Protein backbone atom coordinates (compact mmCIF):
# COMPACT_ATOMS: atom_id res chain seq x y z
CA UNK A 1 0.00 0.00 0.00
CA UNK A 2 3.01 2.28 0.27
CA UNK A 3 3.98 4.63 -2.52
CA UNK A 4 6.96 3.61 -4.64
CA UNK A 5 9.08 6.22 -2.88
CA UNK A 6 8.14 4.89 0.56
CA UNK A 7 8.73 1.30 -0.60
CA UNK A 8 12.23 2.21 -1.78
CA UNK A 9 12.93 4.04 1.48
CA UNK A 10 11.70 1.09 3.55
CA UNK A 11 13.74 -1.38 1.52
CA UNK A 12 16.83 0.78 1.98
CA UNK A 13 16.31 0.87 5.75
CA UNK A 14 15.80 -2.89 5.92
CA UNK A 15 18.94 -3.48 3.83
CA UNK A 16 20.94 -1.24 6.14
CA UNK A 17 19.72 -3.06 9.25
CA UNK A 18 20.55 -6.47 7.79
CA UNK A 19 23.97 -5.31 6.55
CA UNK A 20 24.81 -3.93 10.00
CA UNK A 21 23.91 -7.30 11.53
CA UNK A 22 26.14 -9.02 9.00
CA UNK A 23 29.02 -6.65 9.82
CA UNK A 24 28.66 -7.38 13.52
CA UNK A 25 29.19 -11.07 12.75
CA UNK A 26 31.92 -10.90 10.11
CA UNK A 27 34.23 -8.13 11.27
CA UNK A 28 35.44 -10.12 14.30
CA UNK A 29 36.31 -12.96 11.90
CA UNK A 30 38.90 -10.83 10.09
CA UNK A 31 42.52 -10.86 11.14
CA UNK A 32 44.32 -7.55 11.69
CA UNK A 33 45.60 -7.40 8.10
CA UNK A 34 42.18 -8.06 6.58
CA UNK A 35 40.54 -5.63 8.98
CA UNK A 36 42.99 -2.92 7.88
CA UNK A 37 42.22 -3.75 4.24
CA UNK A 38 38.48 -3.49 4.99
CA UNK A 39 38.92 -0.10 6.64
CA UNK A 40 40.95 1.15 3.68
CA UNK A 41 38.31 -0.12 1.26
CA UNK A 42 35.53 1.66 3.14
CA UNK A 43 37.49 4.91 3.21
CA UNK A 44 38.43 4.80 -0.47
CA UNK A 45 35.39 3.22 -2.10
CA UNK A 46 32.35 2.40 0.02
CA UNK A 47 30.77 0.75 -3.04
CA UNK A 48 28.44 -2.03 -1.85
CA UNK A 49 29.57 -4.41 -4.60
CA UNK A 50 33.22 -3.92 -3.64
CA UNK A 51 32.40 -4.62 0.01
CA UNK A 52 30.48 -7.76 -0.89
CA UNK A 53 33.33 -8.97 -3.10
CA UNK A 54 35.74 -8.36 -0.23
CA UNK A 55 33.66 -10.38 2.23
CA UNK A 56 33.05 -13.20 -0.24
CA UNK A 57 36.82 -13.40 -0.67
CA UNK A 58 37.71 -13.23 3.03
CA UNK A 59 34.84 -15.07 4.76
CA UNK A 60 34.35 -18.62 3.44
CA UNK A 61 30.75 -18.96 4.66
CA UNK A 62 29.72 -15.36 3.94
CA UNK A 63 26.65 -16.31 1.92
CA UNK A 64 25.39 -18.52 4.75
CA UNK A 65 25.83 -15.61 7.18
CA UNK A 66 23.88 -13.31 4.85
CA UNK A 67 21.08 -15.87 4.61
CA UNK A 68 21.08 -16.39 8.37
CA UNK A 69 20.91 -12.68 9.20
CA UNK A 70 18.20 -12.13 6.60
CA UNK A 71 16.13 -14.92 8.12
CA UNK A 72 16.74 -13.55 11.64
CA UNK A 73 15.44 -10.16 10.50
CA UNK A 74 12.37 -11.75 8.91
CA UNK A 75 11.56 -13.70 12.09
CA UNK A 76 12.09 -10.73 14.39
CA UNK A 77 9.95 -8.51 12.15
CA UNK A 78 7.16 -11.09 12.07
CA UNK A 79 7.21 -11.35 15.88
CA UNK A 80 7.02 -7.58 16.24
CA UNK A 81 4.13 -7.33 13.78
CA UNK A 82 2.23 -10.08 15.63
CA UNK A 83 2.50 -8.09 18.85
CA UNK A 84 1.18 -4.87 17.34
PDB file of N, CA and C in Angstrom:
ATOM      1  N   UNK A   1       0.815  -1.203   0.000  1.00  0.00           N
ATOM      2  CA  UNK A   1       0.000   0.000   0.000  1.00  0.00           C
ATOM      3  C   UNK A   1       0.854   1.260   0.000  1.00  0.00           C
ATOM      4  N   UNK A   2       2.137   1.111   0.233  1.00  0.00           N
ATOM      5  CA  UNK A   2       3.011   2.283   0.269  1.00  0.00           C
ATOM      6  C   UNK A   2       3.296   2.784  -1.141  1.00  0.00           C
ATOM      7  N   UNK A   3       3.572   4.070  -1.239  1.00  0.00           N
ATOM      8  CA  UNK A   3       3.983   4.634  -2.522  1.00  0.00           C
ATOM      9  C   UNK A   3       5.335   4.034  -2.913  1.00  0.00           C
ATOM     10  N   UNK A   4       5.686   4.157  -4.177  1.00  0.00           N
ATOM     11  CA  UNK A   4       6.961   3.608  -4.640  1.00  0.00           C
ATOM     12  C   UNK A   4       8.132   4.240  -3.892  1.00  0.00           C
ATOM     13  N   UNK A   5       8.028   5.519  -3.609  1.00  0.00           N
ATOM     14  CA  UNK A   5       9.078   6.218  -2.879  1.00  0.00           C
ATOM     15  C   UNK A   5       9.231   5.650  -1.463  1.00  0.00           C
ATOM     16  N   UNK A   6       8.111   5.447  -0.793  1.00  0.00           N
ATOM     17  CA  UNK A   6       8.142   4.894   0.562  1.00  0.00           C
ATOM     18  C   UNK A   6       8.629   3.443   0.550  1.00  0.00           C
ATOM     19  N   UNK A   7       8.254   2.685  -0.479  1.00  0.00           N
ATOM     20  CA  UNK A   7       8.727   1.303  -0.605  1.00  0.00           C
ATOM     21  C   UNK A   7      10.249   1.273  -0.739  1.00  0.00           C
ATOM     22  N   UNK A   8      10.779   2.146  -1.578  1.00  0.00           N
ATOM     23  CA  UNK A   8      12.229   2.214  -1.781  1.00  0.00           C
ATOM     24  C   UNK A   8      12.935   2.626  -0.491  1.00  0.00           C
ATOM     25  N   UNK A   9      12.362   3.585   0.218  1.00  0.00           N
ATOM     26  CA  UNK A   9      12.933   4.044   1.482  1.00  0.00           C
ATOM     27  C   UNK A   9      12.917   2.918   2.520  1.00  0.00           C
ATOM     28  N   UNK A  10      11.818   2.198   2.598  1.00  0.00           N
ATOM     29  CA  UNK A  10      11.698   1.092   3.548  1.00  0.00           C
ATOM     30  C   UNK A  10      12.685  -0.016   3.214  1.00  0.00           C
ATOM     31  N   UNK A  11      12.802  -0.350   1.944  1.00  0.00           N
ATOM     32  CA  UNK A  11      13.741  -1.383   1.524  1.00  0.00           C
ATOM     33  C   UNK A  11      15.176  -0.981   1.845  1.00  0.00           C
ATOM     34  N   UNK A  12      15.497   0.283   1.660  1.00  0.00           N
ATOM     35  CA  UNK A  12      16.829   0.781   1.983  1.00  0.00           C
ATOM     36  C   UNK A  12      17.116   0.653   3.477  1.00  0.00           C
ATOM     37  N   UNK A  13      16.142   0.990   4.296  1.00  0.00           N
ATOM     38  CA  UNK A  13      16.314   0.867   5.754  1.00  0.00           C
ATOM     39  C   UNK A  13      16.500  -0.586   6.173  1.00  0.00           C
ATOM     40  N   UNK A  14      15.700  -1.472   5.596  1.00  0.00           N
ATOM     41  CA  UNK A  14      15.802  -2.893   5.918  1.00  0.00           C
ATOM     42  C   UNK A  14      17.178  -3.421   5.508  1.00  0.00           C
ATOM     43  N   UNK A  15      17.621  -3.048   4.320  1.00  0.00           N
ATOM     44  CA  UNK A  15      18.936  -3.485   3.834  1.00  0.00           C
ATOM     45  C   UNK A  15      20.047  -3.009   4.767  1.00  0.00           C
ATOM     46  N   UNK A  16      19.936  -1.783   5.226  1.00  0.00           N
ATOM     47  CA  UNK A  16      20.938  -1.236   6.141  1.00  0.00           C
ATOM     48  C   UNK A  16      20.964  -2.007   7.457  1.00  0.00           C
ATOM     49  N   UNK A  17      19.801  -2.307   7.993  1.00  0.00           N
ATOM     50  CA  UNK A  17      19.718  -3.057   9.250  1.00  0.00           C
ATOM     51  C   UNK A  17      20.340  -4.438   9.097  1.00  0.00           C
ATOM     52  N   UNK A  18      20.010  -5.127   8.017  1.00  0.00           N
ATOM     53  CA  UNK A  18      20.551  -6.469   7.790  1.00  0.00           C
ATOM     54  C   UNK A  18      22.057  -6.395   7.582  1.00  0.00           C
ATOM     55  N   UNK A  19      22.528  -5.424   6.797  1.00  0.00           N
ATOM     56  CA  UNK A  19      23.970  -5.309   6.553  1.00  0.00           C
ATOM     57  C   UNK A  19      24.724  -5.018   7.840  1.00  0.00           C
ATOM     58  N   UNK A  20      24.162  -4.207   8.713  1.00  0.00           N
ATOM     59  CA  UNK A  20      24.811  -3.929   9.999  1.00  0.00           C
ATOM     60  C   UNK A  20      24.909  -5.206  10.839  1.00  0.00           C
ATOM     61  N   UNK A  21      23.874  -6.027  10.808  1.00  0.00           N
ATOM     62  CA  UNK A  21      23.907  -7.301  11.528  1.00  0.00           C
ATOM     63  C   UNK A  21      24.985  -8.214  10.962  1.00  0.00           C
ATOM     64  N   UNK A  22      25.107  -8.208   9.649  1.00  0.00           N
ATOM     65  CA  UNK A  22      26.140  -9.017   9.005  1.00  0.00           C
ATOM     66  C   UNK A  22      27.522  -8.523   9.422  1.00  0.00           C
ATOM     67  N   UNK A  23      27.719  -7.214   9.417  1.00  0.00           N
ATOM     68  CA  UNK A  23      29.019  -6.654   9.817  1.00  0.00           C
ATOM     69  C   UNK A  23      29.383  -7.040  11.243  1.00  0.00           C
ATOM     70  N   UNK A  24      28.406  -7.019  12.125  1.00  0.00           N
ATOM     71  CA  UNK A  24      28.661  -7.385  13.521  1.00  0.00           C
ATOM     72  C   UNK A  24      29.193  -8.812  13.617  1.00  0.00           C
ATOM     73  N   UNK A  25      28.729  -9.677  12.736  1.00  0.00           N
ATOM     74  CA  UNK A  25      29.188 -11.070  12.745  1.00  0.00           C
ATOM     75  C   UNK A  25      30.521 -11.268  12.042  1.00  0.00           C
ATOM     76  N   UNK A  26      30.739 -10.580  10.913  1.00  0.00           N
ATOM     77  CA  UNK A  26      31.921 -10.901  10.110  1.00  0.00           C
ATOM     78  C   UNK A  26      33.170 -10.117  10.480  1.00  0.00           C
ATOM     79  N   UNK A  27      33.031  -8.901  10.952  1.00  0.00           N
ATOM     80  CA  UNK A  27      34.235  -8.131  11.269  1.00  0.00           C
ATOM     81  C   UNK A  27      35.128  -8.811  12.307  1.00  0.00           C
ATOM     82  N   UNK A  28      34.563  -9.422  13.354  1.00  0.00           N
ATOM     83  CA  UNK A  28      35.439 -10.123  14.304  1.00  0.00           C
ATOM     84  C   UNK A  28      36.150 -11.344  13.700  1.00  0.00           C
ATOM     85  N   UNK A  29      35.691 -11.821  12.553  1.00  0.00           N
ATOM     86  CA  UNK A  29      36.314 -12.964  11.901  1.00  0.00           C
ATOM     87  C   UNK A  29      37.578 -12.580  11.129  1.00  0.00           C
ATOM     88  N   UNK A  30      37.749 -11.289  10.869  1.00  0.00           N
ATOM     89  CA  UNK A  30      38.899 -10.830  10.093  1.00  0.00           C
ATOM     90  C   UNK A  30      40.130 -10.703  10.974  1.00  0.00           C
ATOM     91  N   UNK A  31      41.278 -11.093  10.411  1.00  0.00           N
ATOM     92  CA  UNK A  31      42.521 -10.864  11.144  1.00  0.00           C
ATOM     93  C   UNK A  31      42.900  -9.389  10.994  1.00  0.00           C
ATOM     94  N   UNK A  32      43.949  -8.970  11.680  1.00  0.00           N
ATOM     95  CA  UNK A  32      44.321  -7.551  11.685  1.00  0.00           C
ATOM     96  C   UNK A  32      44.606  -7.021  10.280  1.00  0.00           C
ATOM     97  N   UNK A  33      45.265  -7.829   9.464  1.00  0.00           N
ATOM     98  CA  UNK A  33      45.603  -7.405   8.105  1.00  0.00           C
ATOM     99  C   UNK A  33      44.340  -7.212   7.254  1.00  0.00           C
ATOM    100  N   UNK A  34      43.429  -8.170   7.344  1.00  0.00           N
ATOM    101  CA  UNK A  34      42.183  -8.061   6.580  1.00  0.00           C
ATOM    102  C   UNK A  34      41.300  -6.935   7.105  1.00  0.00           C
ATOM    103  N   UNK A  35      41.314  -6.724   8.399  1.00  0.00           N
ATOM    104  CA  UNK A  35      40.537  -5.627   8.975  1.00  0.00           C
ATOM    105  C   UNK A  35      41.067  -4.283   8.485  1.00  0.00           C
ATOM    106  N   UNK A  36      42.386  -4.151   8.407  1.00  0.00           N
ATOM    107  CA  UNK A  36      42.985  -2.921   7.880  1.00  0.00           C
ATOM    108  C   UNK A  36      42.614  -2.738   6.407  1.00  0.00           C
ATOM    109  N   UNK A  37      42.606  -3.824   5.648  1.00  0.00           N
ATOM    110  CA  UNK A  37      42.215  -3.754   4.235  1.00  0.00           C
ATOM    111  C   UNK A  37      40.748  -3.347   4.106  1.00  0.00           C
ATOM    112  N   UNK A  38      39.899  -3.863   4.992  1.00  0.00           N
ATOM    113  CA  UNK A  38      38.479  -3.492   4.989  1.00  0.00           C
ATOM    114  C   UNK A  38      38.323  -1.998   5.275  1.00  0.00           C
ATOM    115  N   UNK A  39      39.011  -1.513   6.289  1.00  0.00           N
ATOM    116  CA  UNK A  39      38.920  -0.096   6.643  1.00  0.00           C
ATOM    117  C   UNK A  39      39.380   0.798   5.489  1.00  0.00           C
ATOM    118  N   UNK A  40      40.457   0.393   4.818  1.00  0.00           N
ATOM    119  CA  UNK A  40      40.955   1.152   3.679  1.00  0.00           C
ATOM    120  C   UNK A  40      39.927   1.148   2.543  1.00  0.00           C
ATOM    121  N   UNK A  41      39.324  -0.001   2.304  1.00  0.00           N
ATOM    122  CA  UNK A  41      38.311  -0.119   1.260  1.00  0.00           C
ATOM    123  C   UNK A  41      37.125   0.796   1.539  1.00  0.00           C
ATOM    124  N   UNK A  42      36.670   0.813   2.765  1.00  0.00           N
ATOM    125  CA  UNK A  42      35.530   1.656   3.143  1.00  0.00           C
ATOM    126  C   UNK A  42      35.872   3.135   2.974  1.00  0.00           C
ATOM    127  N   UNK A  43      37.079   3.510   3.335  1.00  0.00           N
ATOM    128  CA  UNK A  43      37.490   4.907   3.206  1.00  0.00           C
ATOM    129  C   UNK A  43      37.613   5.333   1.747  1.00  0.00           C
ATOM    130  N   UNK A  44      38.156   4.437   0.914  1.00  0.00           N
ATOM    131  CA  UNK A  44      38.430   4.797  -0.474  1.00  0.00           C
ATOM    132  C   UNK A  44      37.232   4.602  -1.399  1.00  0.00           C
ATOM    133  N   UNK A  45      36.476   3.545  -1.173  1.00  0.00           N
ATOM    134  CA  UNK A  45      35.388   3.218  -2.097  1.00  0.00           C
ATOM    135  C   UNK A  45      34.316   2.430  -1.367  1.00  0.00           C
ATOM    136  N   UNK A  46      33.397   3.127  -0.718  1.00  0.00           N
ATOM    137  CA  UNK A  46      32.353   2.404   0.020  1.00  0.00           C
ATOM    138  C   UNK A  46      31.268   1.822  -0.895  1.00  0.00           C
ATOM    139  N   UNK A  47      31.684   1.361  -2.086  1.00  0.00           N
ATOM    140  CA  UNK A  47      30.767   0.747  -3.040  1.00  0.00           C
ATOM    141  C   UNK A  47      30.278  -0.589  -2.488  1.00  0.00           C
ATOM    142  N   UNK A  48      28.966  -0.780  -2.410  1.00  0.00           N
ATOM    143  CA  UNK A  48      28.435  -2.033  -1.848  1.00  0.00           C
ATOM    144  C   UNK A  48      28.945  -3.291  -2.557  1.00  0.00           C
ATOM    145  N   UNK A  49      29.075  -3.239  -3.874  1.00  0.00           N
ATOM    146  CA  UNK A  49      29.571  -4.407  -4.599  1.00  0.00           C
ATOM    147  C   UNK A  49      31.016  -4.730  -4.223  1.00  0.00           C
ATOM    148  N   UNK A  50      31.829  -3.699  -4.033  1.00  0.00           N
ATOM    149  CA  UNK A  50      33.216  -3.918  -3.637  1.00  0.00           C
ATOM    150  C   UNK A  50      33.285  -4.521  -2.236  1.00  0.00           C
ATOM    151  N   UNK A  51      32.429  -4.056  -1.348  1.00  0.00           N
ATOM    152  CA  UNK A  51      32.396  -4.615   0.009  1.00  0.00           C
ATOM    153  C   UNK A  51      31.961  -6.076  -0.014  1.00  0.00           C
ATOM    154  N   UNK A  52      30.930  -6.376  -0.796  1.00  0.00           N
ATOM    155  CA  UNK A  52      30.476  -7.763  -0.889  1.00  0.00           C
ATOM    156  C   UNK A  52      31.564  -8.657  -1.472  1.00  0.00           C
ATOM    157  N   UNK A  53      32.228  -8.195  -2.523  1.00  0.00           N
ATOM    158  CA  UNK A  53      33.331  -8.974  -3.102  1.00  0.00           C
ATOM    159  C   UNK A  53      34.416  -9.232  -2.061  1.00  0.00           C
ATOM    160  N   UNK A  54      34.730  -8.219  -1.274  1.00  0.00           N
ATOM    161  CA  UNK A  54      35.737  -8.358  -0.228  1.00  0.00           C
ATOM    162  C   UNK A  54      35.340  -9.447   0.761  1.00  0.00           C
ATOM    163  N   UNK A  55      34.110  -9.388   1.249  1.00  0.00           N
ATOM    164  CA  UNK A  55      33.664 -10.378   2.231  1.00  0.00           C
ATOM    165  C   UNK A  55      33.548 -11.778   1.642  1.00  0.00           C
ATOM    166  N   UNK A  56      33.097 -11.887   0.402  1.00  0.00           N
ATOM    167  CA  UNK A  56      33.050 -13.205  -0.239  1.00  0.00           C
ATOM    168  C   UNK A  56      34.450 -13.800  -0.338  1.00  0.00           C
ATOM    169  N   UNK A  57      35.440 -12.945  -0.558  1.00  0.00           N
ATOM    170  CA  UNK A  57      36.823 -13.402  -0.667  1.00  0.00           C
ATOM    171  C   UNK A  57      37.418 -13.786   0.685  1.00  0.00           C
ATOM    172  N   UNK A  58      37.070 -13.046   1.721  1.00  0.00           N
ATOM    173  CA  UNK A  58      37.714 -13.227   3.029  1.00  0.00           C
ATOM    174  C   UNK A  58      36.966 -14.155   3.984  1.00  0.00           C
ATOM    175  N   UNK A  59      35.653 -14.270   3.838  1.00  0.00           N
ATOM    176  CA  UNK A  59      34.836 -15.065   4.763  1.00  0.00           C
ATOM    177  C   UNK A  59      34.264 -16.249   3.986  1.00  0.00           C
ATOM    178  N   UNK A  60      34.782 -17.453   4.228  1.00  0.00           N
ATOM    179  CA  UNK A  60      34.346 -18.618   3.441  1.00  0.00           C
ATOM    180  C   UNK A  60      32.837 -18.876   3.460  1.00  0.00           C
ATOM    181  N   UNK A  61      32.187 -18.676   4.560  1.00  0.00           N
ATOM    182  CA  UNK A  61      30.753 -18.956   4.659  1.00  0.00           C
ATOM    183  C   UNK A  61      29.914 -17.669   4.669  1.00  0.00           C
ATOM    184  N   UNK A  62      30.392 -16.657   3.939  1.00  0.00           N
ATOM    185  CA  UNK A  62      29.720 -15.361   3.939  1.00  0.00           C
ATOM    186  C   UNK A  62      28.273 -15.462   3.471  1.00  0.00           C
ATOM    187  N   UNK A  63      28.014 -16.199   2.432  1.00  0.00           N
ATOM    188  CA  UNK A  63      26.655 -16.311   1.917  1.00  0.00           C
ATOM    189  C   UNK A  63      25.717 -16.934   2.953  1.00  0.00           C
ATOM    190  N   UNK A  64      26.197 -17.905   3.697  1.00  0.00           N
ATOM    191  CA  UNK A  64      25.388 -18.515   4.751  1.00  0.00           C
ATOM    192  C   UNK A  64      25.084 -17.497   5.854  1.00  0.00           C
ATOM    193  N   UNK A  65      26.037 -16.647   6.161  1.00  0.00           N
ATOM    194  CA  UNK A  65      25.834 -15.607   7.177  1.00  0.00           C
ATOM    195  C   UNK A  65      24.782 -14.609   6.690  1.00  0.00           C
ATOM    196  N   UNK A  66      24.865 -14.227   5.422  1.00  0.00           N
ATOM    197  CA  UNK A  66      23.881 -13.311   4.846  1.00  0.00           C
ATOM    198  C   UNK A  66      22.483 -13.930   4.942  1.00  0.00           C
ATOM    199  N   UNK A  67      22.372 -15.184   4.559  1.00  0.00           N
ATOM    200  CA  UNK A  67      21.076 -15.868   4.611  1.00  0.00           C
ATOM    201  C   UNK A  67      20.564 -15.959   6.041  1.00  0.00           C
ATOM    202  N   UNK A  68      21.452 -16.264   6.967  1.00  0.00           N
ATOM    203  CA  UNK A  68      21.083 -16.393   8.374  1.00  0.00           C
ATOM    204  C   UNK A  68      20.591 -15.068   8.948  1.00  0.00           C
ATOM    205  N   UNK A  69      21.304 -13.992   8.671  1.00  0.00           N
ATOM    206  CA  UNK A  69      20.906 -12.679   9.202  1.00  0.00           C
ATOM    207  C   UNK A  69      19.627 -12.174   8.545  1.00  0.00           C
ATOM    208  N   UNK A  70      19.435 -12.497   7.274  1.00  0.00           N
ATOM    209  CA  UNK A  70      18.197 -12.126   6.602  1.00  0.00           C
ATOM    210  C   UNK A  70      17.016 -12.852   7.228  1.00  0.00           C
ATOM    211  N   UNK A  71      17.193 -14.139   7.489  1.00  0.00           N
ATOM    212  CA  UNK A  71      16.130 -14.924   8.123  1.00  0.00           C
ATOM    213  C   UNK A  71      15.867 -14.431   9.549  1.00  0.00           C
ATOM    214  N   UNK A  72      16.920 -14.087  10.283  1.00  0.00           N
ATOM    215  CA  UNK A  72      16.738 -13.546  11.635  1.00  0.00           C
ATOM    216  C   UNK A  72      15.912 -12.266  11.597  1.00  0.00           C
ATOM    217  N   UNK A  73      16.195 -11.396  10.630  1.00  0.00           N
ATOM    218  CA  UNK A  73      15.437 -10.163  10.498  1.00  0.00           C
ATOM    219  C   UNK A  73      13.974 -10.465  10.201  1.00  0.00           C
ATOM    220  N   UNK A  74      13.735 -11.392   9.286  1.00  0.00           N
ATOM    221  CA  UNK A  74      12.369 -11.747   8.911  1.00  0.00           C
ATOM    222  C   UNK A  74      11.597 -12.266  10.123  1.00  0.00           C
ATOM    223  N   UNK A  75      12.217 -13.150  10.911  1.00  0.00           N
ATOM    224  CA  UNK A  75      11.556 -13.704  12.089  1.00  0.00           C
ATOM    225  C   UNK A  75      11.269 -12.626  13.133  1.00  0.00           C
ATOM    226  N   UNK A  76      12.268 -11.789  13.400  1.00  0.00           N
ATOM    227  CA  UNK A  76      12.086 -10.734  14.388  1.00  0.00           C
ATOM    228  C   UNK A  76      11.000  -9.755  13.953  1.00  0.00           C
ATOM    229  N   UNK A  77      10.967  -9.435  12.674  1.00  0.00           N
ATOM    230  CA  UNK A  77       9.953  -8.514  12.151  1.00  0.00           C
ATOM    231  C   UNK A  77       8.570  -9.122  12.273  1.00  0.00           C
ATOM    232  N   UNK A  78       8.447 -10.407  11.967  1.00  0.00           N
ATOM    233  CA  UNK A  78       7.157 -11.090  12.066  1.00  0.00           C
ATOM    234  C   UNK A  78       6.671 -11.101  13.508  1.00  0.00           C
ATOM    235  N   UNK A  79       7.574 -11.345  14.461  1.00  0.00           N
ATOM    236  CA  UNK A  79       7.207 -11.346  15.877  1.00  0.00           C
ATOM    237  C   UNK A  79       6.723  -9.965  16.315  1.00  0.00           C
ATOM    238  N   UNK A  80       7.416  -8.947  15.871  1.00  0.00           N
ATOM    239  CA  UNK A  80       7.020  -7.578  16.236  1.00  0.00           C
ATOM    240  C   UNK A  80       5.645  -7.259  15.662  1.00  0.00           C
ATOM    241  N   UNK A  81       5.419  -7.627  14.413  1.00  0.00           N
ATOM    242  CA  UNK A  81       4.129  -7.331  13.780  1.00  0.00           C
ATOM    243  C   UNK A  81       2.988  -8.109  14.441  1.00  0.00           C
ATOM    244  N   UNK A  82       3.271  -9.307  14.922  1.00  0.00           N
ATOM    245  CA  UNK A  82       2.234 -10.076  15.629  1.00  0.00           C
ATOM    246  C   UNK A  82       1.837  -9.411  16.936  1.00  0.00           C
ATOM    247  N   UNK A  83       2.770  -8.725  17.547  1.00  0.00           N
ATOM    248  CA  UNK A  83       2.502  -8.090  18.851  1.00  0.00           C
ATOM    249  C   UNK A  83       1.882  -6.708  18.732  1.00  0.00           C
ATOM    250  N   UNK A  84       1.760  -6.218  17.520  1.00  0.00           N
ATOM    251  CA  UNK A  84       1.175  -4.870  17.342  1.00  0.00           C
ATOM    252  C   UNK A  84      -0.336  -4.962  17.339  1.00  0.00           C
TER     253      UNK A  84
END
